[in-house]
Amino acid sequence: MAVSPANEIEKQFARLPAETQLSLLERLVHHLRQSLEAPQESWEAKLSAMAADPQMQRELRRIDSEFSAAEADGLGKSTAFA
């Protein structure tokens, strides 16, 4: 019967001294946390870059001016749902 890579790693891990096991676990957790945080950081960086883009700022101003007439419709902010 073939031994899976995970089982082989677990067997080798068990042979290590406790201090080395703890050090390895800490390193693995650190790497895992970095890989989980990277997509969020990337998304935030892209969003910041988009907000700083002059072309994007021009487009947002154009959209704002296009809808400015709707702001003058007299409705104001509704408190019905507040």
PDB file of N, CA and C in Angstrom:
ATOM      1  N   MET A   1       0.843  -1.189   0.000  1.00  0.00           N
ATOM      2  CA  MET A   1       0.000   0.000   0.000  1.00  0.00           C
ATOM      3  C   MET A   1       0.890   1.255   0.000  1.00  0.00           C
ATOM      4  N   ALA A   2       0.582   2.204  -0.849  1.00  0.00           N
ATOM      5  CA  ALA A   2       1.378   3.424  -0.983  1.00  0.00           C
ATOM      6  C   ALA A   2       1.101   4.366   0.192  1.00  0.00           C
ATOM      7  N   VAL A   3       2.148   5.016   0.630  1.00  0.00           N
ATOM      8  CA  VAL A   3       2.038   5.980   1.718  1.00  0.00           C
ATOM      9  C   VAL A   3       1.842   7.358   1.097  1.00  0.00           C
ATOM     10  N   SER A   4       0.822   8.076   1.571  1.00  0.00           N
ATOM     11  CA  SER A   4       0.575   9.405   1.013  1.00  0.00           C
ATOM     12  C   SER A   4       1.662  10.370   1.476  1.00  0.00           C
ATOM     13  N   PRO A   5       1.908  11.411   0.702  1.00  0.00           N
ATOM     14  CA  PRO A   5       2.926  12.393   1.102  1.00  0.00           C
ATOM     15  C   PRO A   5       2.631  12.999   2.481  1.00  0.00           C
ATOM     16  N   ALA A   6       1.359  13.249   2.774  1.00  0.00           N
ATOM     17  CA  ALA A   6       1.011  13.822   4.073  1.00  0.00           C
ATOM     18  C   ALA A   6       1.360  12.858   5.203  1.00  0.00           C
ATOM     19  N   ASN A   7       1.097  11.570   5.003  1.00  0.00           N
ATOM     20  CA  ASN A   7       1.443  10.579   6.027  1.00  0.00           C
ATOM     21  C   ASN A   7       2.954  10.503   6.219  1.00  0.00           C
ATOM     22  N   GLU A   8       3.698  10.567   5.135  1.00  0.00           N
ATOM     23  CA  GLU A   8       5.158  10.512   5.221  1.00  0.00           C
ATOM     24  C   GLU A   8       5.700  11.732   5.964  1.00  0.00           C
ATOM     25  N   ILE A   9       5.158  12.890   5.672  1.00  0.00           N
ATOM     26  CA  ILE A   9       5.583  14.113   6.360  1.00  0.00           C
ATOM     27  C   ILE A   9       5.262  14.004   7.847  1.00  0.00           C
ATOM     28  N   GLU A  10       4.083  13.496   8.170  1.00  0.00           N
ATOM     29  CA  GLU A  10       3.685  13.353   9.567  1.00  0.00           C
ATOM     30  C   GLU A  10       4.632  12.400  10.311  1.00  0.00           C
ATOM     31  N   LYS A  11       5.012  11.312   9.676  1.00  0.00           N
ATOM     32  CA  LYS A  11       5.941  10.363  10.299  1.00  0.00           C
ATOM     33  C   LYS A  11       7.300  11.022  10.543  1.00  0.00           C
ATOM     34  N   GLN A  12       7.794  11.752   9.548  1.00  0.00           N
ATOM     35  CA  GLN A  12       9.081  12.422   9.710  1.00  0.00           C
ATOM     36  C   GLN A  12       9.005  13.518  10.773  1.00  0.00           C
ATOM     37  N   PHE A  13       7.885  14.208  10.813  1.00  0.00           N
ATOM     38  CA  PHE A  13       7.677  15.258  11.806  1.00  0.00           C
ATOM     39  C   PHE A  13       7.736  14.673  13.216  1.00  0.00           C
ATOM     40  N   ALA A  14       7.122  13.523  13.420  1.00  0.00           N
ATOM     41  CA  ALA A  14       7.090  12.880  14.739  1.00  0.00           C
ATOM     42  C   ALA A  14       8.489  12.504  15.210  1.00  0.00           C
ATOM     43  N   ARG A  15       9.411  12.310  14.294  1.00  0.00           N
ATOM     44  CA  ARG A  15      10.787  11.944  14.647  1.00  0.00           C
ATOM     45  C   ARG A  15      11.615  13.146  15.104  1.00  0.00           C
ATOM     46  N   LEU A  16      11.148  14.331  14.848  1.00  0.00           N
ATOM     47  CA  LEU A  16      11.897  15.535  15.218  1.00  0.00           C
ATOM     48  C   LEU A  16      11.784  15.800  16.715  1.00  0.00           C
ATOM     49  N   PRO A  17      12.776  16.465  17.288  1.00  0.00           N
ATOM     50  CA  PRO A  17      12.672  16.878  18.692  1.00  0.00           C
ATOM     51  C   PRO A  17      11.520  17.884  18.857  1.00  0.00           C
ATOM     52  N   ALA A  18      10.956  17.933  20.046  1.00  0.00           N
ATOM     53  CA  ALA A  18       9.794  18.792  20.312  1.00  0.00           C
ATOM     54  C   ALA A  18      10.072  20.255  19.967  1.00  0.00           C
ATOM     55  N   GLU A  19      11.261  20.746  20.303  1.00  0.00           N
ATOM     56  CA  GLU A  19      11.602  22.141  20.010  1.00  0.00           C
ATOM     57  C   GLU A  19      11.615  22.404  18.502  1.00  0.00           C
ATOM     58  N   THR A  20      12.128  21.472  17.745  1.00  0.00           N
ATOM     59  CA  THR A  20      12.158  21.602  16.287  1.00  0.00           C
ATOM     60  C   THR A  20      10.748  21.516  15.718  1.00  0.00           C
ATOM     61  N   GLN A  21       9.925  20.642  16.278  1.00  0.00           N
ATOM     62  CA  GLN A  21       8.530  20.550  15.836  1.00  0.00           C
ATOM     63  C   GLN A  21       7.817  21.884  16.043  1.00  0.00           C
ATOM     64  N   LEU A  22       8.002  22.470  17.226  1.00  0.00           N
ATOM     65  CA  LEU A  22       7.353  23.742  17.522  1.00  0.00           C
ATOM     66  C   LEU A  22       7.835  24.832  16.568  1.00  0.00           C
ATOM     67  N   SER A  23       9.126  24.892  16.330  1.00  0.00           N
ATOM     68  CA  SER A  23       9.688  25.888  15.414  1.00  0.00           C
ATOM     69  C   SER A  23       9.121  25.719  14.005  1.00  0.00           C
ATOM     70  N   LEU A  24       9.057  24.469  13.563  1.00  0.00           N
ATOM     71  CA  LEU A  24       8.518  24.199  12.231  1.00  0.00           C
ATOM     72  C   LEU A  24       7.044  24.585  12.142  1.00  0.00           C
ATOM     73  N   LEU A  25       6.283  24.255  13.165  1.00  0.00           N
ATOM     74  CA  LEU A  25       4.855  24.625  13.168  1.00  0.00           C
ATOM     75  C   LEU A  25       4.678  26.139  13.104  1.00  0.00           C
ATOM     76  N   GLU A  26       5.488  26.863  13.860  1.00  0.00           N
ATOM     77  CA  GLU A  26       5.397  28.327  13.846  1.00  0.00           C
ATOM     78  C   GLU A  26       5.711  28.879  12.461  1.00  0.00           C
ATOM     79  N   ARG A  27       6.718  28.324  11.815  1.00  0.00           N
ATOM     80  CA  ARG A  27       7.064  28.768  10.463  1.00  0.00           C
ATOM     81  C   ARG A  27       5.946  28.458   9.479  1.00  0.00           C
ATOM     82  N   LEU A  28       5.366  27.264   9.602  1.00  0.00           N
ATOM     83  CA  LEU A  28       4.269  26.888   8.699  1.00  0.00           C
ATOM     84  C   LEU A  28       3.050  27.791   8.892  1.00  0.00           C
ATOM     85  N   VAL A  29       2.721  28.081  10.151  1.00  0.00           N
ATOM     86  CA  VAL A  29       1.585  28.979  10.418  1.00  0.00           C
ATOM     87  C   VAL A  29       1.866  30.362   9.864  1.00  0.00           C
ATOM     88  N   HIS A  30       3.093  30.836  10.028  1.00  0.00           N
ATOM     89  CA  HIS A  30       3.471  32.151   9.490  1.00  0.00           C
ATOM     90  C   HIS A  30       3.292  32.190   7.969  1.00  0.00           C
ATOM     91  N   HIS A  31       3.769  31.161   7.290  1.00  0.00           N
ATOM     92  CA  HIS A  31       3.626  31.099   5.823  1.00  0.00           C
ATOM     93  C   HIS A  31       2.159  31.035   5.416  1.00  0.00           C
ATOM     94  N   LEU A  32       1.372  30.275   6.152  1.00  0.00           N
ATOM     95  CA  LEU A  32      -0.051  30.155   5.835  1.00  0.00           C
ATOM     96  C   LEU A  32      -0.768  31.479   6.028  1.00  0.00           C
ATOM     97  N   ARG A  33      -0.461  32.171   7.115  1.00  0.00           N
ATOM     98  CA  ARG A  33      -1.101  33.479   7.353  1.00  0.00           C
ATOM     99  C   ARG A  33      -0.732  34.472   6.266  1.00  0.00           C
ATOM    100  N   GLN A  34       0.519  34.461   5.837  1.00  0.00           N
ATOM    101  CA  GLN A  34       0.937  35.363   4.765  1.00  0.00           C
ATOM    102  C   GLN A  34       0.184  35.065   3.475  1.00  0.00           C
ATOM    103  N   SER A  35       0.021  33.796   3.169  1.00  0.00           N
ATOM    104  CA  SER A  35      -0.667  33.448   1.921  1.00  0.00           C
ATOM    105  C   SER A  35      -2.149  33.787   1.990  1.00  0.00           C
ATOM    106  N   LEU A  36      -2.738  33.740   3.182  1.00  0.00           N
ATOM    107  CA  LEU A  36      -4.153  34.088   3.323  1.00  0.00           C
ATOM    108  C   LEU A  36      -4.360  35.588   3.293  1.00  0.00           C
ATOM    109  N   GLU A  37      -3.388  36.363   3.773  1.00  0.00           N
ATOM    110  CA  GLU A  37      -3.505  37.816   3.800  1.00  0.00           C
ATOM    111  C   GLU A  37      -3.178  38.447   2.456  1.00  0.00           C
ATOM    112  N   ALA A  38      -2.387  37.800   1.657  1.00  0.00           N
ATOM    113  CA  ALA A  38      -1.934  38.376   0.384  1.00  0.00           C
ATOM    114  C   ALA A  38      -3.071  38.800  -0.531  1.00  0.00           C
ATOM    115  N   PRO A  39      -4.121  37.983  -0.737  1.00  0.00           N
ATOM    116  CA  PRO A  39      -5.192  38.442  -1.633  1.00  0.00           C
ATOM    117  C   PRO A  39      -5.870  39.718  -1.141  1.00  0.00           C
ATOM    118  N   GLN A  40      -6.078  39.846   0.167  1.00  0.00           N
ATOM    119  CA  GLN A  40      -6.706  41.047   0.710  1.00  0.00           C
ATOM    120  C   GLN A  40      -5.819  42.261   0.480  1.00  0.00           C
ATOM    121  N   GLU A  41      -4.530  42.130   0.762  1.00  0.00           N
ATOM    122  CA  GLU A  41      -3.603  43.234   0.543  1.00  0.00           C
ATOM    123  C   GLU A  41      -3.563  43.620  -0.930  1.00  0.00           C
ATOM    124  N   SER A  42      -3.588  42.634  -1.799  1.00  0.00           N
ATOM    125  CA  SER A  42      -3.561  42.884  -3.227  1.00  0.00           C
ATOM    126  C   SER A  42      -4.818  43.642  -3.652  1.00  0.00           C
ATOM    127  N   TRP A  43      -5.952  43.238  -3.123  1.00  0.00           N
ATOM    128  CA  TRP A  43      -7.218  43.892  -3.462  1.00  0.00           C
ATOM    129  C   TRP A  43      -7.194  45.344  -2.994  1.00  0.00           C
ATOM    130  N   GLU A  44      -6.719  45.567  -1.765  1.00  0.00           N
ATOM    131  CA  GLU A  44      -6.659  46.928  -1.235  1.00  0.00           C
ATOM    132  C   GLU A  44      -5.682  47.783  -2.032  1.00  0.00           C
ATOM    133  N   ALA A  45      -4.563  47.210  -2.436  1.00  0.00           N
ATOM    134  CA  ALA A  45      -3.588  47.951  -3.229  1.00  0.00           C
ATOM    135  C   ALA A  45      -4.174  48.332  -4.580  1.00  0.00           C
ATOM    136  N   LYS A  46      -4.893  47.414  -5.193  1.00  0.00           N
ATOM    137  CA  LYS A  46      -5.521  47.702  -6.492  1.00  0.00           C
ATOM    138  C   LYS A  46      -6.589  48.778  -6.342  1.00  0.00           C
ATOM    139  N   LEU A  47      -7.351  48.721  -5.263  1.00  0.00           N
ATOM    140  CA  LEU A  47      -8.396  49.715  -5.028  1.00  0.00           C
ATOM    141  C   LEU A  47      -7.777  51.097  -4.813  1.00  0.00           C
ATOM    142  N   SER A  48      -6.702  51.152  -4.051  1.00  0.00           N
ATOM    143  CA  SER A  48      -6.007  52.425  -3.822  1.00  0.00           C
ATOM    144  C   SER A  48      -5.449  52.991  -5.123  1.00  0.00           C
ATOM    145  N   ALA A  49      -4.869  52.127  -5.927  1.00  0.00           N
ATOM    146  CA  ALA A  49      -4.326  52.577  -7.213  1.00  0.00           C
ATOM    147  C   ALA A  49      -5.437  53.097  -8.112  1.00  0.00           C
ATOM    148  N   MET A  50      -6.578  52.431  -8.095  1.00  0.00           N
ATOM    149  CA  MET A  50      -7.697  52.861  -8.927  1.00  0.00           C
ATOM    150  C   MET A  50      -8.207  54.220  -8.449  1.00  0.00           C
ATOM    151  N   ALA A  51      -8.292  54.405  -7.126  1.00  0.00           N
ATOM    152  CA  ALA A  51      -8.784  55.676  -6.592  1.00  0.00           C
ATOM    153  C   ALA A  51      -7.830  56.823  -6.905  1.00  0.00           C
ATOM    154  N   ALA A  52      -6.551  56.536  -7.018  1.00  0.00           N
ATOM    155  CA  ALA A  52      -5.558  57.575  -7.312  1.00  0.00           C
ATOM    156  C   ALA A  52      -5.415  57.847  -8.805  1.00  0.00           C
ATOM    157  N   ASP A  53      -6.003  57.035  -9.643  1.00  0.00           N
ATOM    158  CA  ASP A  53      -5.883  57.168 -11.097  1.00  0.00           C
ATOM    159  C   ASP A  53      -6.648  58.406 -11.579  1.00  0.00           C
ATOM    160  N   PRO A  54      -5.956  59.368 -12.209  1.00  0.00           N
ATOM    161  CA  PRO A  54      -6.632  60.588 -12.685  1.00  0.00           C
ATOM    162  C   PRO A  54      -7.784  60.303 -13.652  1.00  0.00           C
ATOM    163  N   GLN A  55      -7.635  59.302 -14.496  1.00  0.00           N
ATOM    164  CA  GLN A  55      -8.708  58.972 -15.432  1.00  0.00           C
ATOM    165  C   GLN A  55      -9.950  58.484 -14.663  1.00  0.00           C
ATOM    166  N   MET A  56      -9.735  57.689 -13.624  1.00  0.00           N
ATOM    167  CA  MET A  56     -10.843  57.211 -12.814  1.00  0.00           C
ATOM    168  C   MET A  56     -11.501  58.375 -12.077  1.00  0.00           C
ATOM    169  N   GLN A  57     -10.693  59.291 -11.578  1.00  0.00           N
ATOM    170  CA  GLN A  57     -11.237  60.459 -10.885  1.00  0.00           C
ATOM    171  C   GLN A  57     -12.082  61.313 -11.829  1.00  0.00           C
ATOM    172  N   ARG A  58     -11.620  61.477 -13.081  1.00  0.00           N
ATOM    173  CA  ARG A  58     -12.409  62.234 -14.069  1.00  0.00           C
ATOM    174  C   ARG A  58     -13.748  61.543 -14.329  1.00  0.00           C
ATOM    175  N   GLU A  59     -13.705  60.220 -14.455  1.00  0.00           N
ATOM    176  CA  GLU A  59     -14.940  59.475 -14.725  1.00  0.00           C
ATOM    177  C   GLU A  59     -15.907  59.587 -13.551  1.00  0.00           C
ATOM    178  N   LEU A  60     -15.402  59.537 -12.341  1.00  0.00           N
ATOM    179  CA  LEU A  60     -16.271  59.671 -11.167  1.00  0.00           C
ATOM    180  C   LEU A  60     -16.885  61.069 -11.093  1.00  0.00           C
ATOM    181  N   ARG A  61     -16.099  62.096 -11.448  1.00  0.00           N
ATOM    182  CA  ARG A  61     -16.651  63.455 -11.485  1.00  0.00           C
ATOM    183  C   ARG A  61     -17.726  63.577 -12.560  1.00  0.00           C
ATOM    184  N   ARG A  62     -17.505  62.917 -13.712  1.00  0.00           N
ATOM    185  CA  ARG A  62     -18.500  62.945 -14.785  1.00  0.00           C
ATOM    186  C   ARG A  62     -19.801  62.284 -14.330  1.00  0.00           C
ATOM    187  N   ILE A  63     -19.679  61.150 -13.680  1.00  0.00           N
ATOM    188  CA  ILE A  63     -20.864  60.439 -13.181  1.00  0.00           C
ATOM    189  C   ILE A  63     -21.573  61.289 -12.132  1.00  0.00           C
ATOM    190  N   ASP A  64     -20.791  61.908 -11.252  1.00  0.00           N
ATOM    191  CA  ASP A  64     -21.379  62.753 -10.205  1.00  0.00           C
ATOM    192  C   ASP A  64     -22.156  63.914 -10.822  1.00  0.00           C
ATOM    193  N   SER A  65     -21.583  64.545 -11.847  1.00  0.00           N
ATOM    194  CA  SER A  65     -22.289  65.676 -12.472  1.00  0.00           C
ATOM    195  C   SER A  65     -23.522  65.189 -13.228  1.00  0.00           C
ATOM    196  N   GLU A  66     -23.453  63.997 -13.789  1.00  0.00           N
ATOM    197  CA  GLU A  66     -24.594  63.435 -14.507  1.00  0.00           C
ATOM    198  C   GLU A  66     -25.787  63.198 -13.575  1.00  0.00           C
ATOM    199  N   PHE A  67     -25.507  62.817 -12.366  1.00  0.00           N
ATOM    200  CA  PHE A  67     -26.580  62.523 -11.421  1.00  0.00           C
ATOM    201  C   PHE A  67     -26.885  63.684 -10.475  1.00  0.00           C
ATOM    202  N   SER A  68     -26.210  64.809 -10.650  1.00  0.00           N
ATOM    203  CA  SER A  68     -26.446  65.948  -9.765  1.00  0.00           C
ATOM    204  C   SER A  68     -27.878  66.462  -9.869  1.00  0.00           C
ATOM    205  N   ALA A  69     -28.491  66.333 -11.036  1.00  0.00           N
ATOM    206  CA  ALA A  69     -29.882  66.774 -11.195  1.00  0.00           C
ATOM    207  C   ALA A  69     -30.814  65.957 -10.299  1.00  0.00           C
ATOM    208  N   ALA A  70     -30.490  64.705 -10.107  1.00  0.00           N
ATOM    209  CA  ALA A  70     -31.326  63.860  -9.257  1.00  0.00           C
ATOM    210  C   ALA A  70     -31.239  64.276  -7.793  1.00  0.00           C
ATOM    211  N   GLU A  71     -30.141  64.892  -7.409  1.00  0.00           N
ATOM    212  CA  GLU A  71     -29.999  65.362  -6.037  1.00  0.00           C
ATOM    213  C   GLU A  71     -30.920  66.536  -5.751  1.00  0.00           C
ATOM    214  N   ALA A  72     -31.309  67.254  -6.792  1.00  0.00           N
ATOM    215  CA  ALA A  72     -32.157  68.428  -6.629  1.00  0.00           C
ATOM    216  C   ALA A  72     -33.639  68.079  -6.731  1.00  0.00           C
ATOM    217  N   ASP A  73     -33.992  66.812  -6.614  1.00  0.00           N
ATOM    218  CA  ASP A  73     -35.381  66.413  -6.766  1.00  0.00           C
ATOM    219  C   ASP A  73     -36.228  66.699  -5.536  1.00  0.00           C
ATOM    220  N   GLY A  74     -35.608  67.223  -4.478  1.00  0.00           N
ATOM    221  CA  GLY A  74     -36.351  67.622  -3.294  1.00  0.00           C
ATOM    222  C   GLY A  74     -36.592  66.496  -2.295  1.00  0.00           C
ATOM    223  N   LEU A  75     -36.153  65.314  -2.610  1.00  0.00           N
ATOM    224  CA  LEU A  75     -36.398  64.215  -1.684  1.00  0.00           C
ATOM    225  C   LEU A  75     -35.440  64.231  -0.499  1.00  0.00           C
ATOM    226  N   GLY A  76     -34.242  64.694  -0.724  1.00  0.00           N
ATOM    227  CA  GLY A  76     -33.264  64.713   0.358  1.00  0.00           C
ATOM    228  C   GLY A  76     -32.974  63.312   0.857  1.00  0.00           C
ATOM    229  N   LYS A  77     -32.439  63.236   2.055  1.00  0.00           N
ATOM    230  CA  LYS A  77     -32.148  61.937   2.648  1.00  0.00           C
ATOM    231  C   LYS A  77     -33.395  61.432   3.348  1.00  0.00           C
ATOM    232  N   SER A  78     -33.750  60.210   3.069  1.00  0.00           N
ATOM    233  CA  SER A  78     -34.926  59.612   3.682  1.00  0.00           C
ATOM    234  C   SER A  78     -34.580  59.087   5.056  1.00  0.00           C
ATOM    235  N   THR A  79     -35.470  59.296   6.017  1.00  0.00           N
ATOM    236  CA  THR A  79     -35.280  58.756   7.361  1.00  0.00           C
ATOM    237  C   THR A  79     -36.217  57.588   7.605  1.00  0.00           C
ATOM    238  N   ALA A  80     -36.953  57.189   6.592  1.00  0.00           N
ATOM    239  CA  ALA A  80     -37.914  56.085   6.741  1.00  0.00           C
ATOM    240  C   ALA A  80     -37.228  54.780   7.071  1.00  0.00           C
ATOM    241  N   PHE A  81     -36.023  54.602   6.576  1.00  0.00           N
ATOM    242  CA  PHE A  81     -35.328  53.344   6.781  1.00  0.00           C
ATOM    243  C   PHE A  81     -34.213  53.449   7.814  1.00  0.00           C
ATOM    244  N   ALA A  82     -34.071  54.594   8.415  1.00  0.00           N
ATOM    245  CA  ALA A  82     -32.978  54.802   9.380  1.00  0.00           C
ATOM    246  C   ALA A  82     -33.287  54.155  10.706  1.00  0.00           C
TER     247      ALA A  82
END
